[in-house]
């Protein structure tokens, strides 16, 4: 094989490895925030279904759990715009 073809293939493999690494890091970040934001609310509902006596759906902590769920919807576009320049440019318009 010619040296310029091997060089192009090596560059392509390096580029694919970087892209794959970036996707994995982004997925891990999104998964972390998903788990962090939803755990509070789902734990609260689990305690309710298990008849835990101190569950109050008008409490400040319950409101906190709901806000965390909504925060998860808001944090995903921020994560993507930080990780990918194309998304940043689309959101900047």
C-alpha atoms as a PDB file:
ATOM      1  CA  UNK A   1       0.000   0.000   0.000  1.00  0.00           C
ATOM      2  CA  UNK A   2       1.228   3.497  -0.703  1.00  0.00           C
ATOM      3  CA  UNK A   3       2.421   5.616   2.211  1.00  0.00           C
ATOM      4  CA  UNK A   4      -0.171   8.384   1.605  1.00  0.00           C
ATOM      5  CA  UNK A   5      -3.035   5.883   1.783  1.00  0.00           C
ATOM      6  CA  UNK A   6      -1.705   4.485   5.059  1.00  0.00           C
ATOM      7  CA  UNK A   7      -1.405   8.027   6.406  1.00  0.00           C
ATOM      8  CA  UNK A   8      -4.988   8.843   5.489  1.00  0.00           C
ATOM      9  CA  UNK A   9      -6.210   5.625   7.082  1.00  0.00           C
ATOM     10  CA  UNK A  10      -4.275   6.304  10.269  1.00  0.00           C
ATOM     11  CA  UNK A  11      -5.718   9.832  10.429  1.00  0.00           C
ATOM     12  CA  UNK A  12      -9.224   8.480   9.910  1.00  0.00           C
ATOM     13  CA  UNK A  13      -8.757   5.859  12.640  1.00  0.00           C
ATOM     14  CA  UNK A  14      -7.456   8.505  15.026  1.00  0.00           C
ATOM     15  CA  UNK A  15     -10.409  10.761  14.224  1.00  0.00           C
ATOM     16  CA  UNK A  16     -12.883   7.913  14.777  1.00  0.00           C
ATOM     17  CA  UNK A  17     -11.243   7.046  18.104  1.00  0.00           C
ATOM     18  CA  UNK A  18     -11.539  10.670  19.271  1.00  0.00           C
ATOM     19  CA  UNK A  19     -15.185  10.834  18.159  1.00  0.00           C
ATOM     20  CA  UNK A  20     -15.980   7.557  19.915  1.00  0.00           C
ATOM     21  CA  UNK A  21     -14.281   8.780  23.092  1.00  0.00           C
ATOM     22  CA  UNK A  22     -16.231  12.047  22.954  1.00  0.00           C
ATOM     23  CA  UNK A  23     -19.527  10.204  22.503  1.00  0.00           C
ATOM     24  CA  UNK A  24     -18.796   7.903  25.441  1.00  0.00           C
ATOM     25  CA  UNK A  25     -17.870  10.858  27.684  1.00  0.00           C
ATOM     26  CA  UNK A  26     -21.036  12.719  26.653  1.00  0.00           C
ATOM     27  CA  UNK A  27     -23.194   9.661  27.281  1.00  0.00           C
ATOM     28  CA  UNK A  28     -21.614   9.144  30.706  1.00  0.00           C
ATOM     29  CA  UNK A  29     -22.250  12.787  31.612  1.00  0.00           C
ATOM     30  CA  UNK A  30     -25.887  12.645  30.484  1.00  0.00           C
ATOM     31  CA  UNK A  31     -26.424   9.355  32.340  1.00  0.00           C
ATOM     32  CA  UNK A  32     -24.875  10.783  35.511  1.00  0.00           C
ATOM     33  CA  UNK A  33     -27.147  13.829  35.478  1.00  0.00           C
ATOM     34  CA  UNK A  34     -30.170  11.668  34.672  1.00  0.00           C
ATOM     35  CA  UNK A  35     -29.519   9.398  37.646  1.00  0.00           C
ATOM     36  CA  UNK A  36     -28.675  12.310  39.939  1.00  0.00           C
ATOM     37  CA  UNK A  37     -31.784  14.316  39.042  1.00  0.00           C
ATOM     38  CA  UNK A  38     -34.318  11.462  39.023  1.00  0.00           C
ATOM     39  CA  UNK A  39     -33.119   9.496  42.069  1.00  0.00           C
ATOM     40  CA  UNK A  40     -34.586  11.962  44.571  1.00  0.00           C
ATOM     41  CA  UNK A  41     -38.076  11.872  43.095  1.00  0.00           C
ATOM     42  CA  UNK A  42     -38.177   8.137  42.498  1.00  0.00           C
ATOM     43  CA  UNK A  43     -36.923   7.428  46.018  1.00  0.00           C
ATOM     44  CA  UNK A  44     -39.674   9.663  47.363  1.00  0.00           C
ATOM     45  CA  UNK A  45     -42.325   7.772  45.369  1.00  0.00           C
ATOM     46  CA  UNK A  46     -40.884   4.424  46.448  1.00  0.00           C
ATOM     47  CA  UNK A  47     -41.168   5.500  50.082  1.00  0.00           C
ATOM     48  CA  UNK A  48     -44.774   6.539  49.413  1.00  0.00           C
ATOM     49  CA  UNK A  49     -45.640   3.152  47.893  1.00  0.00           C
ATOM     50  CA  UNK A  50     -44.000   1.387  50.828  1.00  0.00           C
ATOM     51  CA  UNK A  51     -46.289   3.393  53.161  1.00  0.00           C
ATOM     52  CA  UNK A  52     -43.508   5.349  54.814  1.00  0.00           C
ATOM     53  CA  UNK A  53     -45.391   7.534  57.353  1.00  0.00           C
ATOM     54  CA  UNK A  54     -43.558  10.840  56.837  1.00  0.00           C
ATOM     55  CA  UNK A  55     -44.278  11.313  53.129  1.00  0.00           C
ATOM     56  CA  UNK A  56     -45.900  14.664  52.452  1.00  0.00           C
ATOM     57  CA  UNK A  57     -46.518  15.822  48.887  1.00  0.00           C
ATOM     58  CA  UNK A  58     -46.795  19.445  50.010  1.00  0.00           C
ATOM     59  CA  UNK A  59     -43.375  19.545  51.659  1.00  0.00           C
ATOM     60  CA  UNK A  60     -40.405  21.568  50.510  1.00  0.00           C
ATOM     61  CA  UNK A  61     -38.401  18.389  49.916  1.00  0.00           C
ATOM     62  CA  UNK A  62     -41.023  17.027  47.519  1.00  0.00           C
ATOM     63  CA  UNK A  63     -40.938  20.333  45.633  1.00  0.00           C
ATOM     64  CA  UNK A  64     -37.149  19.977  45.491  1.00  0.00           C
ATOM     65  CA  UNK A  65     -37.494  16.512  43.925  1.00  0.00           C
ATOM     66  CA  UNK A  66     -39.858  17.858  41.254  1.00  0.00           C
ATOM     67  CA  UNK A  67     -37.502  20.738  40.491  1.00  0.00           C
ATOM     68  CA  UNK A  68     -34.644  18.260  40.098  1.00  0.00           C
ATOM     69  CA  UNK A  69     -36.683  16.320  37.522  1.00  0.00           C
ATOM     70  CA  UNK A  70     -37.320  19.501  35.541  1.00  0.00           C
ATOM     71  CA  UNK A  71     -33.657  20.443  35.898  1.00  0.00           C
ATOM     72  CA  UNK A  72     -32.758  17.223  34.114  1.00  0.00           C
ATOM     73  CA  UNK A  73     -34.701  18.414  31.067  1.00  0.00           C
ATOM     74  CA  UNK A  74     -32.832  21.723  31.153  1.00  0.00           C
ATOM     75  CA  UNK A  75     -29.329  20.371  31.691  1.00  0.00           C
ATOM     76  CA  UNK A  76     -29.202  18.108  28.609  1.00  0.00           C
ATOM     77  CA  UNK A  77     -29.046  20.940  26.030  1.00  0.00           C
ATOM     78  CA  UNK A  78     -26.336  22.586  28.119  1.00  0.00           C
ATOM     79  CA  UNK A  79     -24.285  19.380  28.161  1.00  0.00           C
ATOM     80  CA  UNK A  80     -24.614  18.942  24.400  1.00  0.00           C
ATOM     81  CA  UNK A  81     -23.756  22.576  23.658  1.00  0.00           C
ATOM     82  CA  UNK A  82     -20.643  22.328  25.823  1.00  0.00           C
ATOM     83  CA  UNK A  83     -19.492  19.059  24.258  1.00  0.00           C
ATOM     84  CA  UNK A  84     -20.331  19.747  20.597  1.00  0.00           C
ATOM     85  CA  UNK A  85     -19.572  22.955  18.753  1.00  0.00           C
ATOM     86  CA  UNK A  86     -22.314  22.328  16.158  1.00  0.00           C
ATOM     87  CA  UNK A  87     -24.985  22.323  18.876  1.00  0.00           C
ATOM     88  CA  UNK A  88     -23.478  25.447  20.438  1.00  0.00           C
ATOM     89  CA  UNK A  89     -23.653  27.275  17.132  1.00  0.00           C
ATOM     90  CA  UNK A  90     -27.305  26.236  16.632  1.00  0.00           C
ATOM     91  CA  UNK A  91     -28.303  27.395  20.127  1.00  0.00           C
ATOM     92  CA  UNK A  92     -26.428  30.683  19.800  1.00  0.00           C
ATOM     93  CA  UNK A  93     -28.638  31.813  16.916  1.00  0.00           C
END
